């Protein structure tokens, strides 16, 4: 998803990039909406794959993100405030897409 978004910064009219981003978002949404139907073992495997990703590891060890995630868990209404920051929002999206964070 990040690659499509970066490409669109350079070529905002590219239909190929727009379509790729749309397909990527649809796949993430489908995966997350199917999360309720996953077995506990499938959820665990998905999270293990995500935890092997250096980018996910970096996000989870970032002290700011750790505080944000803890704050969101303790006070869900704080999510709106935190997600106004584009950097935090991007990292949060990656955690959701990976299955590490589940919303809804």
Protein backbone atom coordinates (compact mmCIF):
# COMPACT_ATOMS: atom_id res chain seq x y z
CA UNK A 1 0.00 0.00 0.00
CA UNK A 2 2.82 2.38 0.86
CA UNK A 3 4.41 1.79 -2.55
CA UNK A 4 1.20 2.73 -4.37
CA UNK A 5 0.78 5.81 -2.18
CA UNK A 6 4.37 6.87 -2.88
CA UNK A 7 3.87 6.32 -6.60
CA UNK A 8 0.75 8.46 -6.56
CA UNK A 9 2.75 11.31 -5.01
CA UNK A 10 4.88 11.28 -8.16
CA UNK A 11 2.14 10.48 -10.66
CA UNK A 12 -1.26 11.34 -9.13
CA UNK A 13 -3.11 10.64 -12.38
CA UNK A 14 -1.81 7.09 -12.87
CA UNK A 15 -4.81 4.83 -13.21
CA UNK A 16 -2.61 1.77 -12.71
CA UNK A 17 -1.41 3.08 -9.34
CA UNK A 18 -4.94 4.09 -8.31
CA UNK A 19 -6.25 0.64 -9.22
CA UNK A 20 -3.39 -1.05 -7.37
CA UNK A 21 -4.05 0.99 -4.25
CA UNK A 22 -7.77 0.23 -4.46
CA UNK A 23 -7.08 -3.52 -4.80
CA UNK A 24 -4.66 -3.39 -1.88
CA UNK A 25 -7.18 -1.60 0.36
CA UNK A 26 -9.89 -4.06 -0.65
CA UNK A 27 -7.63 -7.01 0.17
CA UNK A 28 -6.75 -5.56 3.58
CA UNK A 29 -10.40 -4.87 4.33
CA UNK A 30 -11.40 -8.38 3.26
CA UNK A 31 -8.66 -9.88 5.37
CA UNK A 32 -9.67 -7.81 8.39
CA UNK A 33 -13.38 -8.46 7.97
CA UNK A 34 -12.65 -12.17 7.79
CA UNK A 35 -10.62 -11.96 10.98
CA UNK A 36 -13.70 -12.73 13.05
CA UNK A 37 -14.06 -16.01 11.16
CA UNK A 38 -10.41 -16.99 11.61
CA UNK A 39 -9.54 -19.68 14.07
CA UNK A 40 -7.31 -18.73 16.95
CA UNK A 41 -4.50 -20.69 15.28
CA UNK A 42 -4.93 -18.73 12.02
CA UNK A 43 -4.89 -15.41 13.92
CA UNK A 44 -1.76 -16.48 15.74
CA UNK A 45 -0.02 -17.51 12.50
CA UNK A 46 -0.95 -14.18 10.90
CA UNK A 47 0.48 -12.29 13.87
CA UNK A 48 3.65 -14.40 13.86
CA UNK A 49 4.22 -13.59 10.17
CA UNK A 50 3.69 -9.92 10.92
CA UNK A 51 6.08 -10.02 13.87
CA UNK A 52 8.80 -11.38 11.58
CA UNK A 53 8.56 -8.18 9.50
CA UNK A 54 11.33 -5.72 10.50
CA UNK A 55 9.05 -2.75 9.82
CA UNK A 56 6.39 -4.08 12.19
CA UNK A 57 9.07 -4.80 14.80
CA UNK A 58 10.33 -1.23 14.44
CA UNK A 59 6.86 0.22 14.91
CA UNK A 60 6.20 -1.92 17.98
CA UNK A 61 9.50 -0.97 19.61
CA UNK A 62 9.04 2.76 18.94
CA UNK A 63 8.45 4.32 22.39
CA UNK A 64 6.02 6.90 20.97
CA UNK A 65 3.93 4.20 19.28
CA UNK A 66 3.97 2.08 22.42
CA UNK A 67 2.55 5.04 24.37
CA UNK A 68 -0.02 5.74 21.64
CA UNK A 69 -1.18 2.12 21.56
CA UNK A 70 -1.39 1.94 25.35
CA UNK A 71 -3.32 5.21 25.43
CA UNK A 72 -5.73 3.98 22.73
CA UNK A 73 -6.29 0.75 24.64
CA UNK A 74 -6.96 2.53 27.93
CA UNK A 75 -8.99 5.38 26.38
CA UNK A 76 -10.42 4.49 22.93
CA UNK A 77 -11.65 8.06 22.48
CA UNK A 78 -8.00 9.17 22.26
CA UNK A 79 -7.69 7.42 18.87
CA UNK A 80 -9.04 10.42 16.97
CA UNK A 81 -6.49 12.72 18.57
CA UNK A 82 -3.56 10.38 17.90
CA UNK A 83 -4.57 9.57 14.32
CA UNK A 84 -4.47 13.23 13.32
CA UNK A 85 -0.70 12.84 13.19
CA UNK A 86 0.07 11.45 9.70
CA UNK A 87 3.11 9.50 10.91
CA UNK A 88 1.21 7.81 13.70
CA UNK A 89 -1.74 7.17 11.40
CA UNK A 90 0.52 5.48 8.82
CA UNK A 91 2.14 3.25 11.44
CA UNK A 92 -1.25 2.40 12.94
CA UNK A 93 -2.56 1.47 9.47
CA UNK A 94 0.38 -0.90 9.00
CA UNK A 95 -0.35 -2.58 12.34
CA UNK A 96 -4.02 -2.97 11.42
CA UNK A 97 -3.18 -4.29 7.94
CA UNK A 98 -0.77 -6.82 9.44
CA UNK A 99 -3.32 -8.10 11.94
CA UNK A 100 -1.31 -6.99 14.96
CA UNK A 101 -3.97 -4.45 15.90
CA UNK A 102 -7.61 -5.32 15.45
CA UNK A 103 -10.31 -2.67 15.26
CA UNK A 104 -14.04 -2.82 15.32
